Amino acid sequence: MFRRPMARRAMRRRMGRPLLRAAAVGGAGYYAGKRISEGQQAEAMQDQQIADLQDQVASQQAQSSAPPPQPAPAPAAAPGAGSDTVARLQELANLHASGVLSDDEFAAAKQKVLGGE
């Protein structure tokens, strides 16, 4: 009679240990998988940051190595009209000096005479 309760306890121990073992293994596996996933996410973020920094450095180098823009050449006066152009510019300068033309009007008229309409 005493053997039956002991047999039941032994049976419970045998049944309980594999369940505990499975729970421990499963929990450890879950935790390990979670840590690996977090590590992969952190590595992907670092890779993205490195790529962004490399793009910034490349764009800065491209901007600094580009030659400065050259000013546009002044339009050349028409051949044979050199003395006429000079006379017209002197007339405009006289009008500006006497106060007939304002600075803006003088600049606009000078551009017109030089052909930069």
Protein backbone atom coordinates (compact mmCIF):
# COMPACT_ATOMS: atom_id res chain seq x y z
CA MET A 1 0.00 0.00 0.00
CA PHE A 2 2.83 2.36 0.73
CA ARG A 3 4.39 1.68 -2.57
CA ARG A 4 1.70 3.17 -4.68
CA PRO A 5 2.00 6.76 -3.41
CA MET A 6 5.76 6.57 -3.83
CA ALA A 7 5.35 5.21 -7.29
CA ARG A 8 3.11 8.12 -8.15
CA ARG A 9 5.70 10.59 -6.84
CA ALA A 10 8.41 8.97 -8.86
CA MET A 11 6.21 9.11 -11.93
CA ARG A 12 5.53 12.79 -11.35
CA ARG A 13 9.25 13.52 -11.03
CA ARG A 14 9.97 11.67 -14.23
CA MET A 15 7.23 13.55 -16.06
CA GLY A 16 8.04 16.92 -14.53
CA ARG A 17 11.76 17.00 -15.28
CA PRO A 18 11.49 16.76 -19.07
CA LEU A 19 8.92 19.57 -19.04
CA LEU A 20 11.21 21.78 -16.98
CA ARG A 21 14.13 20.91 -19.21
CA ALA A 22 12.13 21.74 -22.33
CA ALA A 23 11.02 25.06 -20.82
CA ALA A 24 14.61 25.95 -19.91
CA VAL A 25 15.94 25.04 -23.35
CA GLY A 26 13.12 26.89 -25.06
CA GLY A 27 13.63 29.99 -22.93
CA ALA A 28 17.37 29.97 -23.56
CA GLY A 29 16.77 29.56 -27.29
CA TYR A 30 14.33 32.45 -27.32
CA TYR A 31 16.74 34.71 -25.45
CA ALA A 32 19.65 33.78 -27.74
CA GLY A 33 17.56 34.41 -30.83
CA LYS A 34 16.46 37.77 -29.49
CA ARG A 35 20.06 38.82 -28.80
CA ILE A 36 21.17 37.75 -32.27
CA SER A 37 18.34 39.72 -33.85
CA GLU A 38 19.23 42.84 -31.83
CA GLY A 39 22.87 42.46 -32.89
CA GLN A 40 21.89 42.19 -36.54
CA GLN A 41 19.70 45.29 -36.28
CA ALA A 42 22.51 47.27 -34.64
CA GLU A 43 24.94 46.14 -37.34
CA ALA A 44 22.52 47.13 -40.10
CA MET A 45 22.09 50.56 -38.51
CA GLN A 46 25.87 51.02 -38.32
CA ASP A 47 26.23 49.98 -41.97
CA GLN A 48 23.60 52.55 -42.96
CA GLN A 49 25.33 55.30 -40.97
CA ILE A 50 28.67 54.44 -42.58
CA ALA A 51 27.10 54.57 -46.04
CA ASP A 52 25.52 57.97 -45.26
CA LEU A 53 28.83 59.37 -44.05
CA GLN A 54 30.63 58.07 -47.14
CA ASP A 55 28.02 59.77 -49.35
CA GLN A 56 28.49 63.05 -47.49
CA VAL A 57 32.28 62.89 -47.83
CA ALA A 58 32.01 62.06 -51.53
CA SER A 59 29.65 64.97 -52.18
CA GLN A 60 31.91 67.37 -50.25
CA GLN A 61 34.93 66.21 -52.21
CA ALA A 62 33.05 66.62 -55.48
CA GLN A 63 32.07 70.17 -54.53
CA SER A 64 35.56 71.14 -53.42
CA SER A 65 37.29 69.64 -56.46
CA ALA A 66 34.99 71.33 -58.99
CA PRO A 67 36.68 74.33 -60.63
CA PRO A 68 35.20 77.72 -59.74
CA PRO A 69 32.80 79.05 -62.36
CA GLN A 70 34.44 81.38 -64.86
CA PRO A 71 32.82 84.78 -65.43
CA ALA A 72 31.10 85.19 -68.75
CA PRO A 73 33.15 87.16 -71.27
CA ALA A 74 31.96 90.67 -71.96
CA PRO A 75 30.17 91.02 -75.30
CA ALA A 76 32.49 92.38 -77.93
CA ALA A 77 31.63 95.63 -79.66
CA ALA A 78 30.77 95.45 -83.33
CA PRO A 79 33.84 95.92 -85.54
CA GLY A 80 34.02 99.34 -87.16
CA ALA A 81 31.70 100.82 -84.54
CA GLY A 82 34.48 101.38 -81.99
CA SER A 83 34.71 105.16 -82.34
CA ASP A 84 30.91 105.50 -82.42
CA THR A 85 30.57 103.40 -79.23
CA VAL A 86 33.25 105.39 -77.45
CA ALA A 87 31.56 108.66 -78.43
CA ARG A 88 28.18 107.39 -77.18
CA LEU A 89 29.70 106.24 -73.86
CA GLN A 90 31.38 109.64 -73.37
CA GLU A 91 28.07 111.37 -74.02
CA LEU A 92 26.35 109.11 -71.42
CA ALA A 93 29.16 109.79 -68.91
CA ASN A 94 28.71 113.56 -69.39
CA LEU A 95 24.96 113.28 -68.86
CA HIS A 96 25.53 111.19 -65.71
CA ALA A 97 28.14 113.63 -64.38
CA SER A 98 25.83 116.60 -64.94
CA GLY A 99 23.03 114.81 -63.02
CA VAL A 100 20.65 114.28 -65.92
CA LEU A 101 20.94 110.47 -65.64
CA SER A 102 20.70 108.55 -62.34
CA ASP A 103 23.07 105.69 -61.56
CA ASP A 104 20.51 103.08 -62.61
CA GLU A 105 19.65 104.90 -65.84
CA PHE A 106 23.33 105.32 -66.68
CA ALA A 107 24.03 101.60 -66.08
CA ALA A 108 21.07 100.56 -68.24
CA ALA A 109 22.03 102.92 -71.07
CA LYS A 110 25.67 101.79 -70.92
CA GLN A 111 24.59 98.13 -71.21
CA LYS A 112 22.41 99.03 -74.17
CA VAL A 113 25.28 100.77 -75.95
CA LEU A 114 27.67 97.91 -75.28
CA GLY A 115 25.19 95.42 -76.75
CA GLY A 116 24.20 93.66 -73.51
CA GLU A 117 20.50 94.34 -73.86
